[in-house]
Amino acid sequence: MEKIKMQENKECFFCGSNNWIESHHIFGGAYRKKSEKYGLVVELCHFCHNEPPLGVHHNAERMLKLKQAGQQAFEQVYGHKKFMQEFGKNYLEETNDNC
């Protein structure tokens, strides 16, 4: 099984900072272990990870962007059908209209 590499460097996926870096599982909760298994983990600075208003745990638009990036990366390796089997939702069809 090929592990997906979401980033080349250990810097924030959003702002590029290399200070106070934390790992974030793109698909959390019940899918956290699958995120780990497939490499769907990104590095985020603390502010882009866990602080309002831009932290992904407080910002639905940024969270969706991460999930879309994760789905695109996964599908390049394994295809759409496998993504749907593993994660059960197509994030590429979602919009930020309700955010």
C-alpha atoms as a PDB file:
ATOM      1  CA  MET A   1       0.000   0.000   0.000  1.00  0.00           C
ATOM      2  CA  GLU A   2       1.328   3.412  -0.992  1.00  0.00           C
ATOM      3  CA  LYS A   3       1.238   6.140   1.654  1.00  0.00           C
ATOM      4  CA  ILE A   4       0.185   9.533   0.335  1.00  0.00           C
ATOM      5  CA  LYS A   5       2.517  12.428   1.037  1.00  0.00           C
ATOM      6  CA  MET A   6       0.475  15.586   1.488  1.00  0.00           C
ATOM      7  CA  GLN A   7       3.489  17.869   2.043  1.00  0.00           C
ATOM      8  CA  GLU A   8       7.196  17.941   1.291  1.00  0.00           C
ATOM      9  CA  ASN A   9       8.273  20.124   4.207  1.00  0.00           C
ATOM     10  CA  LYS A  10       7.306  20.357   7.841  1.00  0.00           C
ATOM     11  CA  GLU A  11       5.554  23.692   7.549  1.00  0.00           C
ATOM     12  CA  CYS A  12       1.992  24.904   7.865  1.00  0.00           C
ATOM     13  CA  PHE A  13      -0.179  23.728   4.962  1.00  0.00           C
ATOM     14  CA  PHE A  14      -1.977  27.093   4.922  1.00  0.00           C
ATOM     15  CA  CYS A  15       0.449  29.853   5.922  1.00  0.00           C
ATOM     16  CA  GLY A  16       3.855  28.210   5.429  1.00  0.00           C
ATOM     17  CA  SER A  17       5.061  28.938   8.962  1.00  0.00           C
ATOM     18  CA  ASN A  18       7.486  26.443  10.473  1.00  0.00           C
ATOM     19  CA  ASN A  19       6.797  27.558  14.058  1.00  0.00           C
ATOM     20  CA  TRP A  20       4.649  25.615  16.556  1.00  0.00           C
ATOM     21  CA  ILE A  21       3.793  22.857  14.051  1.00  0.00           C
ATOM     22  CA  GLU A  22       1.096  20.307  14.866  1.00  0.00           C
ATOM     23  CA  SER A  23      -0.139  17.308  12.883  1.00  0.00           C
ATOM     24  CA  HIS A  24      -3.768  17.278  11.760  1.00  0.00           C
ATOM     25  CA  HIS A  25      -5.613  14.194  10.505  1.00  0.00           C
ATOM     26  CA  ILE A  26      -7.646  15.395   7.527  1.00  0.00           C
ATOM     27  CA  PHE A  27     -10.433  12.927   8.200  1.00  0.00           C
ATOM     28  CA  GLY A  28     -10.897  12.692  11.951  1.00  0.00           C
ATOM     29  CA  GLY A  29     -13.232  10.906  14.291  1.00  0.00           C
ATOM     30  CA  ALA A  30     -14.058   7.419  13.034  1.00  0.00           C
ATOM     31  CA  TYR A  31     -11.723   7.990  10.054  1.00  0.00           C
ATOM     32  CA  ARG A  32      -8.670   9.096  12.032  1.00  0.00           C
ATOM     33  CA  LYS A  33      -6.937   5.707  11.746  1.00  0.00           C
ATOM     34  CA  LYS A  34      -7.625   5.611   8.004  1.00  0.00           C
ATOM     35  CA  SER A  35      -6.145   9.097   7.649  1.00  0.00           C
ATOM     36  CA  GLU A  36      -3.023   7.818   9.407  1.00  0.00           C
ATOM     37  CA  LYS A  37      -2.934   4.603   7.367  1.00  0.00           C
ATOM     38  CA  TYR A  38      -3.096   6.415   4.017  1.00  0.00           C
ATOM     39  CA  GLY A  39      -0.965   9.429   4.958  1.00  0.00           C
ATOM     40  CA  LEU A  40      -3.823  11.913   4.956  1.00  0.00           C
ATOM     41  CA  VAL A  41      -2.182  14.042   7.619  1.00  0.00           C
ATOM     42  CA  VAL A  42      -1.003  17.625   7.203  1.00  0.00           C
ATOM     43  CA  GLU A  43       1.216  19.897   9.241  1.00  0.00           C
ATOM     44  CA  LEU A  44      -0.406  23.088  10.514  1.00  0.00           C
ATOM     45  CA  CYS A  45       0.889  25.855  12.752  1.00  0.00           C
ATOM     46  CA  HIS A  46      -1.008  26.072  16.026  1.00  0.00           C
ATOM     47  CA  PHE A  47      -2.979  29.113  14.851  1.00  0.00           C
ATOM     48  CA  CYS A  48      -4.149  27.519  11.583  1.00  0.00           C
ATOM     49  CA  HIS A  49      -4.890  24.301  13.468  1.00  0.00           C
ATOM     50  CA  ASN A  50      -6.643  25.186  16.673  1.00  0.00           C
ATOM     51  CA  GLU A  51      -7.279  28.907  17.136  1.00  0.00           C
ATOM     52  CA  PRO A  52     -10.336  30.865  16.019  1.00  0.00           C
ATOM     53  CA  PRO A  53     -11.185  32.269  13.560  1.00  0.00           C
ATOM     54  CA  LEU A  54      -8.871  30.556  11.021  1.00  0.00           C
ATOM     55  CA  GLY A  55      -8.006  27.317  12.802  1.00  0.00           C
ATOM     56  CA  VAL A  56      -9.486  24.324  10.975  1.00  0.00           C
ATOM     57  CA  HIS A  57     -11.267  23.174  14.131  1.00  0.00           C
ATOM     58  CA  HIS A  58     -13.167  26.479  14.096  1.00  0.00           C
ATOM     59  CA  ASN A  59     -13.407  27.246  10.383  1.00  0.00           C
ATOM     60  CA  ALA A  60     -15.665  25.081   8.194  1.00  0.00           C
ATOM     61  CA  GLU A  61     -14.337  26.569   4.942  1.00  0.00           C
ATOM     62  CA  ARG A  62     -10.728  25.688   5.749  1.00  0.00           C
ATOM     63  CA  MET A  63     -11.736  22.235   7.003  1.00  0.00           C
ATOM     64  CA  LEU A  64     -13.536  21.574   3.720  1.00  0.00           C
ATOM     65  CA  LYS A  65     -10.487  22.743   1.733  1.00  0.00           C
ATOM     66  CA  LEU A  66      -8.347  20.217   3.600  1.00  0.00           C
ATOM     67  CA  LYS A  67     -10.832  17.413   2.998  1.00  0.00           C
ATOM     68  CA  GLN A  68     -11.005  18.280  -0.706  1.00  0.00           C
ATOM     69  CA  ALA A  69      -7.196  18.303  -0.949  1.00  0.00           C
ATOM     70  CA  GLY A  70      -7.067  14.971   0.875  1.00  0.00           C
ATOM     71  CA  GLN A  71      -9.666  13.426  -1.410  1.00  0.00           C
ATOM     72  CA  GLN A  72      -7.868  14.671  -4.534  1.00  0.00           C
ATOM     73  CA  ALA A  73      -4.538  13.275  -3.316  1.00  0.00           C
ATOM     74  CA  PHE A  74      -6.131   9.937  -2.382  1.00  0.00           C
ATOM     75  CA  GLU A  75      -7.935   9.606  -5.713  1.00  0.00           C
ATOM     76  CA  GLN A  76      -4.741  10.225  -7.683  1.00  0.00           C
ATOM     77  CA  VAL A  77      -3.347   7.061  -6.125  1.00  0.00           C
ATOM     78  CA  TYR A  78      -6.381   4.855  -5.435  1.00  0.00           C
ATOM     79  CA  GLY A  79      -9.289   6.282  -7.446  1.00  0.00           C
ATOM     80  CA  HIS A  80     -12.712   7.645  -6.569  1.00  0.00           C
ATOM     81  CA  LYS A  81     -14.405   4.305  -5.935  1.00  0.00           C
ATOM     82  CA  LYS A  82     -11.835   3.351  -3.272  1.00  0.00           C
ATOM     83  CA  PHE A  83     -12.171   6.789  -1.639  1.00  0.00           C
ATOM     84  CA  MET A  84     -15.927   6.345  -1.363  1.00  0.00           C
ATOM     85  CA  GLN A  85     -15.465   2.839   0.086  1.00  0.00           C
ATOM     86  CA  GLU A  86     -13.010   4.104   2.694  1.00  0.00           C
ATOM     87  CA  PHE A  87     -14.441   7.535   3.592  1.00  0.00           C
ATOM     88  CA  GLY A  88     -18.077   7.375   2.417  1.00  0.00           C
ATOM     89  CA  LYS A  89     -18.517  10.986   1.287  1.00  0.00           C
ATOM     90  CA  ASN A  90     -17.576  12.986  -1.794  1.00  0.00           C
ATOM     91  CA  TYR A  91     -16.120  16.272  -0.508  1.00  0.00           C
ATOM     92  CA  LEU A  92     -15.327  17.493  -4.023  1.00  0.00           C
ATOM     93  CA  GLU A  93     -19.036  18.043  -4.667  1.00  0.00           C
ATOM     94  CA  GLU A  94     -19.446  20.200  -1.548  1.00  0.00           C
ATOM     95  CA  THR A  95     -19.391  23.988  -1.616  1.00  0.00           C
ATOM     96  CA  ASN A  96     -18.849  26.592   1.049  1.00  0.00           C
ATOM     97  CA  ASP A  97     -22.228  28.260   0.388  1.00  0.00           C
ATOM     98  CA  ASN A  98     -23.535  27.454   3.867  1.00  0.00           C
ATOM     99  CA  CYS A  99     -20.433  28.494   5.764  1.00  0.00           C
END
